[in-house]
Amino acid sequence: MEENTNLIEGLIEKTVEYGKSSLELAKLKALDKTSDAISSFLAHSVVLVVLFSFMLFLSLGLAMWTGKILGEIYLGFFAVAGFYSIAAILIYFFMLKWIKKCVGNTLIKLMLK
């Protein structure tokens, strides 16, 4: 009888250890995925900030140059703003689903990696 009690106690002890190990493994996997997602987000954010700065200065230069050609600086800014509004409308109506699909697929690949 005592032998059965020792076997059951050993089994319970191993089950508890397995549960602790499984919990620790789940924590480590979650940490890995979170750190991968955050580092990827930060890297893309830096690239987007640099790209935004480039586009800002390019737009300012293009607006001033166009304004000089048109005779008034503010006309150049209106022309560039009109271009961006047309581009935004086209992107919204024709590419929004494609962009959402690409971003969603990228996030899913990141999380399932």
PDB file of N, CA and C in Angstrom:
ATOM      1  N   MET A   1       0.805  -1.189   0.000  1.00  0.00           N
ATOM      2  CA  MET A   1       0.000   0.000   0.000  1.00  0.00           C
ATOM      3  C   MET A   1       0.853   1.260   0.000  1.00  0.00           C
ATOM      4  N   GLU A   2       1.894   1.203   0.788  1.00  0.00           N
ATOM      5  CA  GLU A   2       2.808   2.342   0.865  1.00  0.00           C
ATOM      6  C   GLU A   2       3.498   2.573  -0.473  1.00  0.00           C
ATOM      7  N   GLU A   3       3.750   1.484  -1.206  1.00  0.00           N
ATOM      8  CA  GLU A   3       4.385   1.580  -2.520  1.00  0.00           C
ATOM      9  C   GLU A   3       3.478   2.333  -3.499  1.00  0.00           C
ATOM     10  N   ASN A   4       2.185   2.059  -3.466  1.00  0.00           N
ATOM     11  CA  ASN A   4       1.223   2.769  -4.318  1.00  0.00           C
ATOM     12  C   ASN A   4       1.166   4.252  -3.978  1.00  0.00           C
ATOM     13  N   THR A   5       1.247   4.561  -2.690  1.00  0.00           N
ATOM     14  CA  THR A   5       1.228   5.958  -2.247  1.00  0.00           C
ATOM     15  C   THR A   5       2.453   6.693  -2.763  1.00  0.00           C
ATOM     16  N   ASN A   6       3.602   6.043  -2.718  1.00  0.00           N
ATOM     17  CA  ASN A   6       4.839   6.653  -3.237  1.00  0.00           C
ATOM     18  C   ASN A   6       4.741   6.877  -4.747  1.00  0.00           C
ATOM     19  N   LEU A   7       4.151   5.916  -5.463  1.00  0.00           N
ATOM     20  CA  LEU A   7       3.994   6.057  -6.910  1.00  0.00           C
ATOM     21  C   LEU A   7       3.062   7.220  -7.247  1.00  0.00           C
ATOM     22  N   ILE A   8       1.963   7.321  -6.500  1.00  0.00           N
ATOM     23  CA  ILE A   8       1.003   8.402  -6.752  1.00  0.00           C
ATOM     24  C   ILE A   8       1.632   9.754  -6.420  1.00  0.00           C
ATOM     25  N   GLU A   9       2.363   9.835  -5.321  1.00  0.00           N
ATOM     26  CA  GLU A   9       3.040  11.081  -4.958  1.00  0.00           C
ATOM     27  C   GLU A   9       4.061  11.467  -6.017  1.00  0.00           C
ATOM     28  N   GLY A  10       4.801  10.503  -6.520  1.00  0.00           N
ATOM     29  CA  GLY A  10       5.780  10.760  -7.586  1.00  0.00           C
ATOM     30  C   GLY A  10       5.105  11.250  -8.858  1.00  0.00           C
ATOM     31  N   LEU A  11       3.971  10.624  -9.168  1.00  0.00           N
ATOM     32  CA  LEU A  11       3.216  11.023 -10.347  1.00  0.00           C
ATOM     33  C   LEU A  11       2.693  12.453 -10.204  1.00  0.00           C
ATOM     34  N   ILE A  12       2.165  12.772  -9.028  1.00  0.00           N
ATOM     35  CA  ILE A  12       1.668  14.130  -8.775  1.00  0.00           C
ATOM     36  C   ILE A  12       2.813  15.138  -8.855  1.00  0.00           C
ATOM     37  N   GLU A  13       3.944  14.777  -8.299  1.00  0.00           N
ATOM     38  CA  GLU A  13       5.108  15.669  -8.323  1.00  0.00           C
ATOM     39  C   GLU A  13       5.570  15.929  -9.756  1.00  0.00           C
ATOM     40  N   LYS A  14       5.618  14.909 -10.585  1.00  0.00           N
ATOM     41  CA  LYS A  14       6.028  15.071 -11.980  1.00  0.00           C
ATOM     42  C   LYS A  14       4.998  15.885 -12.762  1.00  0.00           C
ATOM     43  N   THR A  15       3.716  15.697 -12.431  1.00  0.00           N
ATOM     44  CA  THR A  15       2.660  16.464 -13.096  1.00  0.00           C
ATOM     45  C   THR A  15       2.790  17.953 -12.766  1.00  0.00           C
ATOM     46  N   VAL A  16       3.077  18.262 -11.512  1.00  0.00           N
ATOM     47  CA  VAL A  16       3.262  19.656 -11.099  1.00  0.00           C
ATOM     48  C   VAL A  16       4.472  20.256 -11.816  1.00  0.00           C
ATOM     49  N   GLU A  17       5.562  19.515 -11.890  1.00  0.00           N
ATOM     50  CA  GLU A  17       6.758  19.985 -12.595  1.00  0.00           C
ATOM     51  C   GLU A  17       6.470  20.207 -14.076  1.00  0.00           C
ATOM     52  N   TYR A  18       5.699  19.302 -14.680  1.00  0.00           N
ATOM     53  CA  TYR A  18       5.331  19.451 -16.092  1.00  0.00           C
ATOM     54  C   TYR A  18       4.487  20.711 -16.296  1.00  0.00           C
ATOM     55  N   GLY A  19       3.560  20.946 -15.391  1.00  0.00           N
ATOM     56  CA  GLY A  19       2.725  22.148 -15.482  1.00  0.00           C
ATOM     57  C   GLY A  19       3.553  23.419 -15.363  1.00  0.00           C
ATOM     58  N   LYS A  20       4.495  23.438 -14.423  1.00  0.00           N
ATOM     59  CA  LYS A  20       5.377  24.599 -14.260  1.00  0.00           C
ATOM     60  C   LYS A  20       6.237  24.811 -15.505  1.00  0.00           C
ATOM     61  N   SER A  21       6.764  23.716 -16.047  1.00  0.00           N
ATOM     62  CA  SER A  21       7.595  23.809 -17.253  1.00  0.00           C
ATOM     63  C   SER A  21       6.776  24.308 -18.443  1.00  0.00           C
ATOM     64  N   SER A  22       5.546  23.826 -18.580  1.00  0.00           N
ATOM     65  CA  SER A  22       4.679  24.265 -19.676  1.00  0.00           C
ATOM     66  C   SER A  22       4.347  25.738 -19.546  1.00  0.00           C
ATOM     67  N   LEU A  23       4.091  26.196 -18.332  1.00  0.00           N
ATOM     68  CA  LEU A  23       3.802  27.611 -18.103  1.00  0.00           C
ATOM     69  C   LEU A  23       5.016  28.468 -18.427  1.00  0.00           C
ATOM     70  N   GLU A  24       6.177  28.028 -18.010  1.00  0.00           N
ATOM     71  CA  GLU A  24       7.411  28.774 -18.294  1.00  0.00           C
ATOM     72  C   GLU A  24       7.667  28.825 -19.802  1.00  0.00           C
ATOM     73  N   LEU A  25       7.434  27.713 -20.486  1.00  0.00           N
ATOM     74  CA  LEU A  25       7.608  27.680 -21.936  1.00  0.00           C
ATOM     75  C   LEU A  25       6.639  28.637 -22.630  1.00  0.00           C
ATOM     76  N   ALA A  26       5.397  28.683 -22.185  1.00  0.00           N
ATOM     77  CA  ALA A  26       4.406  29.601 -22.762  1.00  0.00           C
ATOM     78  C   ALA A  26       4.824  31.051 -22.533  1.00  0.00           C
ATOM     79  N   LYS A  27       5.343  31.355 -21.342  1.00  0.00           N
ATOM     80  CA  LYS A  27       5.823  32.709 -21.053  1.00  0.00           C
ATOM     81  C   LYS A  27       6.974  33.086 -21.980  1.00  0.00           C
ATOM     82  N   LEU A  28       7.909  32.171 -22.171  1.00  0.00           N
ATOM     83  CA  LEU A  28       9.063  32.449 -23.028  1.00  0.00           C
ATOM     84  C   LEU A  28       8.650  32.632 -24.490  1.00  0.00           C
ATOM     85  N   LYS A  29       7.698  31.816 -24.947  1.00  0.00           N
ATOM     86  CA  LYS A  29       7.209  31.966 -26.319  1.00  0.00           C
ATOM     87  C   LYS A  29       6.512  33.311 -26.497  1.00  0.00           C
ATOM     88  N   ALA A  30       5.697  33.710 -25.522  1.00  0.00           N
ATOM     89  CA  ALA A  30       5.004  35.002 -25.591  1.00  0.00           C
ATOM     90  C   ALA A  30       6.016  36.145 -25.578  1.00  0.00           C
ATOM     91  N   LEU A  31       7.039  36.027 -24.755  1.00  0.00           N
ATOM     92  CA  LEU A  31       8.086  37.047 -24.700  1.00  0.00           C
ATOM     93  C   LEU A  31       8.819  37.142 -26.030  1.00  0.00           C
ATOM     94  N   ASP A  32       9.117  35.994 -26.633  1.00  0.00           N
ATOM     95  CA  ASP A  32       9.801  35.979 -27.927  1.00  0.00           C
ATOM     96  C   ASP A  32       8.959  36.667 -28.995  1.00  0.00           C
ATOM     97  N   LYS A  33       7.696  36.340 -29.062  1.00  0.00           N
ATOM     98  CA  LYS A  33       6.811  36.934 -30.068  1.00  0.00           C
ATOM     99  C   LYS A  33       6.645  38.433 -29.830  1.00  0.00           C
ATOM    100  N   THR A  34       6.493  38.827 -28.579  1.00  0.00           N
ATOM    101  CA  THR A  34       6.322  40.235 -28.255  1.00  0.00           C
ATOM    102  C   THR A  34       7.578  41.031 -28.601  1.00  0.00           C
ATOM    103  N   SER A  35       8.731  40.522 -28.228  1.00  0.00           N
ATOM    104  CA  SER A  35       9.973  41.233 -28.523  1.00  0.00           C
ATOM    105  C   SER A  35      10.221  41.296 -30.029  1.00  0.00           C
ATOM    106  N   ASP A  36       9.883  40.245 -30.744  1.00  0.00           N
ATOM    107  CA  ASP A  36      10.031  40.249 -32.201  1.00  0.00           C
ATOM    108  C   ASP A  36       9.100  41.281 -32.833  1.00  0.00           C
ATOM    109  N   ALA A  37       7.867  41.340 -32.373  1.00  0.00           N
ATOM    110  CA  ALA A  37       6.904  42.301 -32.930  1.00  0.00           C
ATOM    111  C   ALA A  37       7.317  43.734 -32.616  1.00  0.00           C
ATOM    112  N   ILE A  38       7.751  43.991 -31.390  1.00  0.00           N
ATOM    113  CA  ILE A  38       8.145  45.352 -31.013  1.00  0.00           C
ATOM    114  C   ILE A  38       9.393  45.783 -31.760  1.00  0.00           C
ATOM    115  N   SER A  39      10.381  44.915 -31.869  1.00  0.00           N
ATOM    116  CA  SER A  39      11.609  45.293 -32.583  1.00  0.00           C
ATOM    117  C   SER A  39      11.327  45.530 -34.059  1.00  0.00           C
ATOM    118  N   SER A  40      10.459  44.728 -34.628  1.00  0.00           N
ATOM    119  CA  SER A  40      10.081  44.910 -36.024  1.00  0.00           C
ATOM    120  C   SER A  40       9.326  46.231 -36.198  1.00  0.00           C
ATOM    121  N   PHE A  41       8.421  46.534 -35.270  1.00  0.00           N
ATOM    122  CA  PHE A  41       7.670  47.784 -35.313  1.00  0.00           C
ATOM    123  C   PHE A  41       8.607  48.988 -35.206  1.00  0.00           C
ATOM    124  N   LEU A  42       9.570  48.929 -34.295  1.00  0.00           N
ATOM    125  CA  LEU A  42      10.498  50.047 -34.119  1.00  0.00           C
ATOM    126  C   LEU A  42      11.380  50.237 -35.344  1.00  0.00           C
ATOM    127  N   ALA A  43      11.843  49.145 -35.923  1.00  0.00           N
ATOM    128  CA  ALA A  43      12.679  49.259 -37.116  1.00  0.00           C
ATOM    129  C   ALA A  43      11.887  49.884 -38.260  1.00  0.00           C
ATOM    130  N   HIS A  44      10.653  49.453 -38.444  1.00  0.00           N
ATOM    131  CA  HIS A  44       9.826  50.028 -39.504  1.00  0.00           C
ATOM    132  C   HIS A  44       9.479  51.490 -39.195  1.00  0.00           C
ATOM    133  N   SER A  45       9.325  51.814 -37.925  1.00  0.00           N
ATOM    134  CA  SER A  45       9.009  53.185 -37.544  1.00  0.00           C
ATOM    135  C   SER A  45      10.157  54.133 -37.906  1.00  0.00           C
ATOM    136  N   VAL A  46      11.376  53.701 -37.675  1.00  0.00           N
ATOM    137  CA  VAL A  46      12.533  54.531 -38.024  1.00  0.00           C
ATOM    138  C   VAL A  46      12.566  54.771 -39.533  1.00  0.00           C
ATOM    139  N   VAL A  47      12.344  53.727 -40.299  1.00  0.00           N
ATOM    140  CA  VAL A  47      12.330  53.872 -41.753  1.00  0.00           C
ATOM    141  C   VAL A  47      11.207  54.810 -42.184  1.00  0.00           C
ATOM    142  N   LEU A  48      10.038  54.689 -41.562  1.00  0.00           N
ATOM    143  CA  LEU A  48       8.917  55.562 -41.916  1.00  0.00           C
ATOM    144  C   LEU A  48       9.194  57.018 -41.559  1.00  0.00           C
ATOM    145  N   VAL A  49       9.861  57.270 -40.442  1.00  0.00           N
ATOM    146  CA  VAL A  49      10.200  58.654 -40.067  1.00  0.00           C
ATOM    147  C   VAL A  49      11.171  59.252 -41.080  1.00  0.00           C
ATOM    148  N   VAL A  50      12.165  58.499 -41.484  1.00  0.00           N
ATOM    149  CA  VAL A  50      13.116  58.994 -42.487  1.00  0.00           C
ATOM    150  C   VAL A  50      12.412  59.220 -43.822  1.00  0.00           C
ATOM    151  N   LEU A  51      11.556  58.284 -44.216  1.00  0.00           N
ATOM    152  CA  LEU A  51      10.801  58.433 -45.453  1.00  0.00           C
ATOM    153  C   LEU A  51       9.866  59.640 -45.391  1.00  0.00           C
ATOM    154  N   PHE A  52       9.218  59.844 -44.249  1.00  0.00           N
ATOM    155  CA  PHE A  52       8.340  60.996 -44.077  1.00  0.00           C
ATOM    156  C   PHE A  52       9.126  62.306 -44.192  1.00  0.00           C
ATOM    157  N   SER A  53      10.299  62.352 -43.569  1.00  0.00           N
ATOM    158  CA  SER A  53      11.134  63.555 -43.657  1.00  0.00           C
ATOM    159  C   SER A  53      11.538  63.825 -45.106  1.00  0.00           C
ATOM    160  N   PHE A  54      11.922  62.783 -45.815  1.00  0.00           N
ATOM    161  CA  PHE A  54      12.287  62.925 -47.223  1.00  0.00           C
ATOM    162  C   PHE A  54      11.117  63.469 -48.034  1.00  0.00           C
ATOM    163  N   MET A  55       9.946  62.883 -47.833  1.00  0.00           N
ATOM    164  CA  MET A  55       8.752  63.329 -48.575  1.00  0.00           C
ATOM    165  C   MET A  55       8.369  64.765 -48.215  1.00  0.00           C
ATOM    166  N   LEU A  56       8.544  65.141 -46.961  1.00  0.00           N
ATOM    167  CA  LEU A  56       8.225  66.493 -46.536  1.00  0.00           C
ATOM    168  C   LEU A  56       9.108  67.510 -47.248  1.00  0.00           C
ATOM    169  N   PHE A  57      10.408  67.285 -47.223  1.00  0.00           N
ATOM    170  CA  PHE A  57      11.312  68.228 -47.861  1.00  0.00           C
ATOM    171  C   PHE A  57      11.178  68.206 -49.383  1.00  0.00           C
ATOM    172  N   LEU A  58      10.935  67.052 -49.946  1.00  0.00           N
ATOM    173  CA  LEU A  58      10.701  66.965 -51.384  1.00  0.00           C
ATOM    174  C   LEU A  58       9.442  67.737 -51.764  1.00  0.00           C
ATOM    175  N   SER A  59       8.391  67.603 -50.965  1.00  0.00           N
ATOM    176  CA  SER A  59       7.143  68.317 -51.236  1.00  0.00           C
ATOM    177  C   SER A  59       7.325  69.822 -51.098  1.00  0.00           C
ATOM    178  N   LEU A  60       8.053  70.242 -50.081  1.00  0.00           N
ATOM    179  CA  LEU A  60       8.301  71.673 -49.905  1.00  0.00           C
ATOM    180  C   LEU A  60       9.087  72.240 -51.091  1.00  0.00           C
ATOM    181  N   GLY A  61      10.121  71.526 -51.495  1.00  0.00           N
ATOM    182  CA  GLY A  61      10.916  71.980 -52.636  1.00  0.00           C
ATOM    183  C   GLY A  61      10.099  72.002 -53.917  1.00  0.00           C
ATOM    184  N   LEU A  62       9.312  70.962 -54.131  1.00  0.00           N
ATOM    185  CA  LEU A  62       8.476  70.897 -55.327  1.00  0.00           C
ATOM    186  C   LEU A  62       7.425  72.001 -55.314  1.00  0.00           C
ATOM    187  N   ALA A  63       6.839  72.282 -54.147  1.00  0.00           N
ATOM    188  CA  ALA A  63       5.832  73.337 -54.038  1.00  0.00           C
ATOM    189  C   ALA A  63       6.449  74.706 -54.334  1.00  0.00           C
ATOM    190  N   MET A  64       7.633  74.957 -53.811  1.00  0.00           N
ATOM    191  CA  MET A  64       8.288  76.257 -54.060  1.00  0.00           C
ATOM    192  C   MET A  64       8.686  76.392 -55.522  1.00  0.00           C
ATOM    193  N   TRP A  65       9.198  75.320 -56.094  1.00  0.00           N
ATOM    194  CA  TRP A  65       9.603  75.361 -57.501  1.00  0.00           C
ATOM    195  C   TRP A  65       8.388  75.572 -58.405  1.00  0.00           C
ATOM    196  N   THR A  66       7.302  74.828 -58.130  1.00  0.00           N
ATOM    197  CA  THR A  66       6.074  74.981 -58.910  1.00  0.00           C
ATOM    198  C   THR A  66       5.501  76.387 -58.734  1.00  0.00           C
ATOM    199  N   GLY A  67       5.546  76.888 -57.501  1.00  0.00           N
ATOM    200  CA  GLY A  67       5.068  78.248 -57.246  1.00  0.00           C
ATOM    201  C   GLY A  67       5.867  79.288 -57.997  1.00  0.00           C
ATOM    202  N   LYS A  68       7.167  79.068 -58.100  1.00  0.00           N
ATOM    203  CA  LYS A  68       8.023  80.006 -58.856  1.00  0.00           C
ATOM    204  C   LYS A  68       7.645  79.984 -60.330  1.00  0.00           C
ATOM    205  N   ILE A  69       7.351  78.797 -60.844  1.00  0.00           N
ATOM    206  CA  ILE A  69       6.948  78.674 -62.251  1.00  0.00           C
ATOM    207  C   ILE A  69       5.589  79.341 -62.476  1.00  0.00           C
ATOM    208  N   LEU A  70       4.665  79.154 -61.528  1.00  0.00           N
ATOM    209  CA  LEU A  70       3.320  79.708 -61.668  1.00  0.00           C
ATOM    210  C   LEU A  70       3.245  81.195 -61.316  1.00  0.00           C
ATOM    211  N   GLY A  71       4.272  81.734 -60.729  1.00  0.00           N
ATOM    212  CA  GLY A  71       4.313  83.168 -60.445  1.00  0.00           C
ATOM    213  C   GLY A  71       4.059  83.514 -58.994  1.00  0.00           C
ATOM    214  N   GLU A  72       3.413  82.674 -58.241  1.00  0.00           N
ATOM    215  CA  GLU A  72       3.147  82.898 -56.812  1.00  0.00           C
ATOM    216  C   GLU A  72       3.464  81.615 -56.039  1.00  0.00           C
ATOM    217  N   ILE A  73       4.194  81.755 -54.959  1.00  0.00           N
ATOM    218  CA  ILE A  73       4.616  80.585 -54.179  1.00  0.00           C
ATOM    219  C   ILE A  73       3.412  79.790 -53.679  1.00  0.00           C
ATOM    220  N   TYR A  74       2.372  80.498 -53.209  1.00  0.00           N
ATOM    221  CA  TYR A  74       1.232  79.771 -52.640  1.00  0.00           C
ATOM    222  C   TYR A  74       0.523  78.912 -53.673  1.00  0.00           C
ATOM    223  N   LEU A  75       0.590  79.263 -54.950  1.00  0.00           N
ATOM    224  CA  LEU A  75      -0.008  78.431 -55.995  1.00  0.00           C
ATOM    225  C   LEU A  75       0.706  77.076 -56.103  1.00  0.00           C
ATOM    226  N   GLY A  76       1.993  77.089 -55.882  1.00  0.00           N
ATOM    227  CA  GLY A  76       2.757  75.841 -55.880  1.00  0.00           C
ATOM    228  C   GLY A  76       2.326  74.918 -54.748  1.00  0.00           C
ATOM    229  N   PHE A  77       2.083  75.510 -53.571  1.00  0.00           N
ATOM    230  CA  PHE A  77       1.621  74.700 -52.444  1.00  0.00           C
ATOM    231  C   PHE A  77       0.231  74.132 -52.710  1.00  0.00           C
ATOM    232  N   PHE A  78      -0.632  74.946 -53.332  1.00  0.00           N
ATOM    233  CA  PHE A  78      -1.962  74.446 -53.689  1.00  0.00           C
ATOM    234  C   PHE A  78      -1.868  73.313 -54.706  1.00  0.00           C
ATOM    235  N   ALA A  79      -0.960  73.438 -55.663  1.00  0.00           N
ATOM    236  CA  ALA A  79      -0.804  72.402 -56.682  1.00  0.00           C
ATOM    237  C   ALA A  79      -0.328  71.084 -56.056  1.00  0.00           C
ATOM    238  N   VAL A  80       0.657  71.177 -55.168  1.00  0.00           N
ATOM    239  CA  VAL A  80       1.167  69.969 -54.510  1.00  0.00           C
ATOM    240  C   VAL A  80       0.085  69.356 -53.608  1.00  0.00           C
ATOM    241  N   ALA A  81      -0.645  70.188 -52.895  1.00  0.00           N
ATOM    242  CA  ALA A  81      -1.727  69.686 -52.046  1.00  0.00           C
ATOM    243  C   ALA A  81      -2.808  69.011 -52.892  1.00  0.00           C
ATOM    244  N   GLY A  82      -3.120  69.594 -54.048  1.00  0.00           N
ATOM    245  CA  GLY A  82      -4.095  68.979 -54.950  1.00  0.00           C
ATOM    246  C   GLY A  82      -3.626  67.619 -55.441  1.00  0.00           C
ATOM    247  N   PHE A  83      -2.330  67.527 -55.776  1.00  0.00           N
ATOM    248  CA  PHE A  83      -1.769  66.243 -56.204  1.00  0.00           C
ATOM    249  C   PHE A  83      -1.914  65.194 -55.113  1.00  0.00           C
ATOM    250  N   TYR A  84      -1.566  65.579 -53.869  1.00  0.00           N
ATOM    251  CA  TYR A  84      -1.660  64.627 -52.762  1.00  0.00           C
ATOM    252  C   TYR A  84      -3.101  64.237 -52.472  1.00  0.00           C
ATOM    253  N   SER A  85      -4.031  65.163 -52.619  1.00  0.00           N
ATOM    254  CA  SER A  85      -5.435  64.808 -52.374  1.00  0.00           C
ATOM    255  C   SER A  85      -5.947  63.837 -53.433  1.00  0.00           C
ATOM    256  N   ILE A  86      -5.566  64.042 -54.684  1.00  0.00           N
ATOM    257  CA  ILE A  86      -5.960  63.104 -55.750  1.00  0.00           C
ATOM    258  C   ILE A  86      -5.325  61.728 -55.508  1.00  0.00           C
ATOM    259  N   ALA A  87      -4.047  61.724 -55.123  1.00  0.00           N
ATOM    260  CA  ALA A  87      -3.371  60.455 -54.832  1.00  0.00           C
ATOM    261  C   ALA A  87      -4.038  59.733 -53.657  1.00  0.00           C
ATOM    262  N   ALA A  88      -4.426  60.487 -52.629  1.00  0.00           N
ATOM    263  CA  ALA A  88      -5.077  59.875 -51.465  1.00  0.00           C
ATOM    264  C   ALA A  88      -6.432  59.286 -51.844  1.00  0.00           C
ATOM    265  N   ILE A  89      -7.182  59.983 -52.670  1.00  0.00           N
ATOM    266  CA  ILE A  89      -8.490  59.473 -53.102  1.00  0.00           C
ATOM    267  C   ILE A  89      -8.320  58.195 -53.924  1.00  0.00           C
ATOM    268  N   LEU A  90      -7.352  58.188 -54.832  1.00  0.00           N
ATOM    269  CA  LEU A  90      -7.106  56.994 -55.640  1.00  0.00           C
ATOM    270  C   LEU A  90      -6.668  55.810 -54.775  1.00  0.00           C
ATOM    271  N   ILE A  91      -5.791  56.072 -53.826  1.00  0.00           N
ATOM    272  CA  ILE A  91      -5.343  55.005 -52.935  1.00  0.00           C
ATOM    273  C   ILE A  91      -6.515  54.482 -52.110  1.00  0.00           C
ATOM    274  N   TYR A  92      -7.346  55.393 -51.615  1.00  0.00           N
ATOM    275  CA  TYR A  92      -8.475  54.983 -50.789  1.00  0.00           C
ATOM    276  C   TYR A  92      -9.437  54.086 -51.563  1.00  0.00           C
ATOM    277  N   PHE A  93      -9.740  54.450 -52.786  1.00  0.00           N
ATOM    278  CA  PHE A  93     -10.740  53.692 -53.533  1.00  0.00           C
ATOM    279  C   PHE A  93     -10.197  52.445 -54.229  1.00  0.00           C
ATOM    280  N   PHE A  94      -8.926  52.456 -54.601  1.00  0.00           N
ATOM    281  CA  PHE A  94      -8.409  51.343 -55.400  1.00  0.00           C
ATOM    282  C   PHE A  94      -7.393  50.458 -54.687  1.00  0.00           C
ATOM    283  N   MET A  95      -6.740  50.951 -53.642  1.00  0.00           N
ATOM    284  CA  MET A  95      -5.673  50.158 -53.038  1.00  0.00           C
ATOM    285  C   MET A  95      -5.874  49.869 -51.560  1.00  0.00           C
ATOM    286  N   LEU A  96      -6.932  50.356 -50.947  1.00  0.00           N
ATOM    287  CA  LEU A  96      -7.118  50.192 -49.504  1.00  0.00           C
ATOM    288  C   LEU A  96      -7.209  48.720 -49.106  1.00  0.00           C
ATOM    289  N   LYS A  97      -7.977  47.926 -49.839  1.00  0.00           N
ATOM    290  CA  LYS A  97      -8.114  46.503 -49.513  1.00  0.00           C
ATOM    291  C   LYS A  97      -6.787  45.774 -49.666  1.00  0.00           C
ATOM    292  N   TRP A  98      -6.042  46.131 -50.705  1.00  0.00           N
ATOM    293  CA  TRP A  98      -4.748  45.496 -50.934  1.00  0.00           C
ATOM    294  C   TRP A  98      -3.780  45.826 -49.806  1.00  0.00           C
ATOM    295  N   ILE A  99      -3.773  47.080 -49.367  1.00  0.00           N
ATOM    296  CA  ILE A  99      -2.884  47.496 -48.278  1.00  0.00           C
ATOM    297  C   ILE A  99      -3.270  46.782 -46.989  1.00  0.00           C
ATOM    298  N   LYS A 100      -4.571  46.719 -46.675  1.00  0.00           N
ATOM    299  CA  LYS A 100      -5.019  46.035 -45.470  1.00  0.00           C
ATOM    300  C   LYS A 100      -4.641  44.555 -45.511  1.00  0.00           C
ATOM    301  N   LYS A 101      -4.767  43.942 -46.680  1.00  0.00           N
ATOM    302  CA  LYS A 101      -4.427  42.525 -46.832  1.00  0.00           C
ATOM    303  C   LYS A 101      -2.932  42.302 -46.594  1.00  0.00           C
ATOM    304  N   CYS A 102      -2.102  43.153 -47.171  1.00  0.00           N
ATOM    305  CA  CYS A 102      -0.651  43.020 -47.003  1.00  0.00           C
ATOM    306  C   CYS A 102      -0.224  43.211 -45.549  1.00  0.00           C
ATOM    307  N   VAL A 103      -0.771  44.229 -44.901  1.00  0.00           N
ATOM    308  CA  VAL A 103      -0.424  44.486 -43.498  1.00  0.00           C
ATOM    309  C   VAL A 103      -0.909  43.336 -42.626  1.00  0.00           C
ATOM    310  N   GLY A 104      -2.125  42.864 -42.863  1.00  0.00           N
ATOM    311  CA  GLY A 104      -2.648  41.740 -42.087  1.00  0.00           C
ATOM    312  C   GLY A 104      -1.819  40.482 -42.259  1.00  0.00           C
ATOM    313  N   ASN A 105      -1.437  40.179 -43.490  1.00  0.00           N
ATOM    314  CA  ASN A 105      -0.608  38.993 -43.742  1.00  0.00           C
ATOM    315  C   ASN A 105       0.756  39.113 -43.069  1.00  0.00           C
ATOM    316  N   THR A 106       1.324  40.313 -43.096  1.00  0.00           N
ATOM    317  CA  THR A 106       2.618  40.526 -42.456  1.00  0.00           C
ATOM    318  C   THR A 106       2.517  40.320 -40.950  1.00  0.00           C
ATOM    319  N   LEU A 107       1.465  40.862 -40.337  1.00  0.00           N
ATOM    320  CA  LEU A 107       1.287  40.684 -38.897  1.00  0.00           C
ATOM    321  C   LEU A 107       1.074  39.221 -38.538  1.00  0.00           C
ATOM    322  N   ILE A 108       0.302  38.509 -39.333  1.00  0.00           N
ATOM    323  CA  ILE A 108       0.056  37.095 -39.070  1.00  0.00           C
ATOM    324  C   ILE A 108       1.350  36.298 -39.190  1.00  0.00           C
ATOM    325  N   LYS A 109       2.136  36.570 -40.220  1.00  0.00           N
ATOM    326  CA  LYS A 109       3.418  35.869 -40.373  1.00  0.00           C
ATOM    327  C   LYS A 109       4.337  36.151 -39.186  1.00  0.00           C
ATOM    328  N   LEU A 110       4.329  37.403 -38.714  1.00  0.00           N
ATOM    329  CA  LEU A 110       5.164  37.762 -37.572  1.00  0.00           C
ATOM    330  C   LEU A 110       4.737  37.002 -36.318  1.00  0.00           C
ATOM    331  N   MET A 111       3.441  36.919 -36.089  1.00  0.00           N
ATOM    332  CA  MET A 111       2.956  36.286 -34.876  1.00  0.00           C
ATOM    333  C   MET A 111       3.067  34.756 -34.931  1.00  0.00           C
ATOM    334  N   LEU A 112       2.996  34.170 -36.113  1.00  0.00           N
ATOM    335  CA  LEU A 112       3.086  32.717 -36.230  1.00  0.00           C
ATOM    336  C   LEU A 112       4.516  32.222 -36.445  1.00  0.00           C
ATOM    337  N   LYS A 113       5.456  33.126 -36.562  1.00  0.00           N
ATOM    338  CA  LYS A 113       6.857  32.768 -36.801  1.00  0.00           C
ATOM    339  C   LYS A 113       7.403  31.990 -35.644  1.00  0.00           C
TER     340      LYS A 113
END
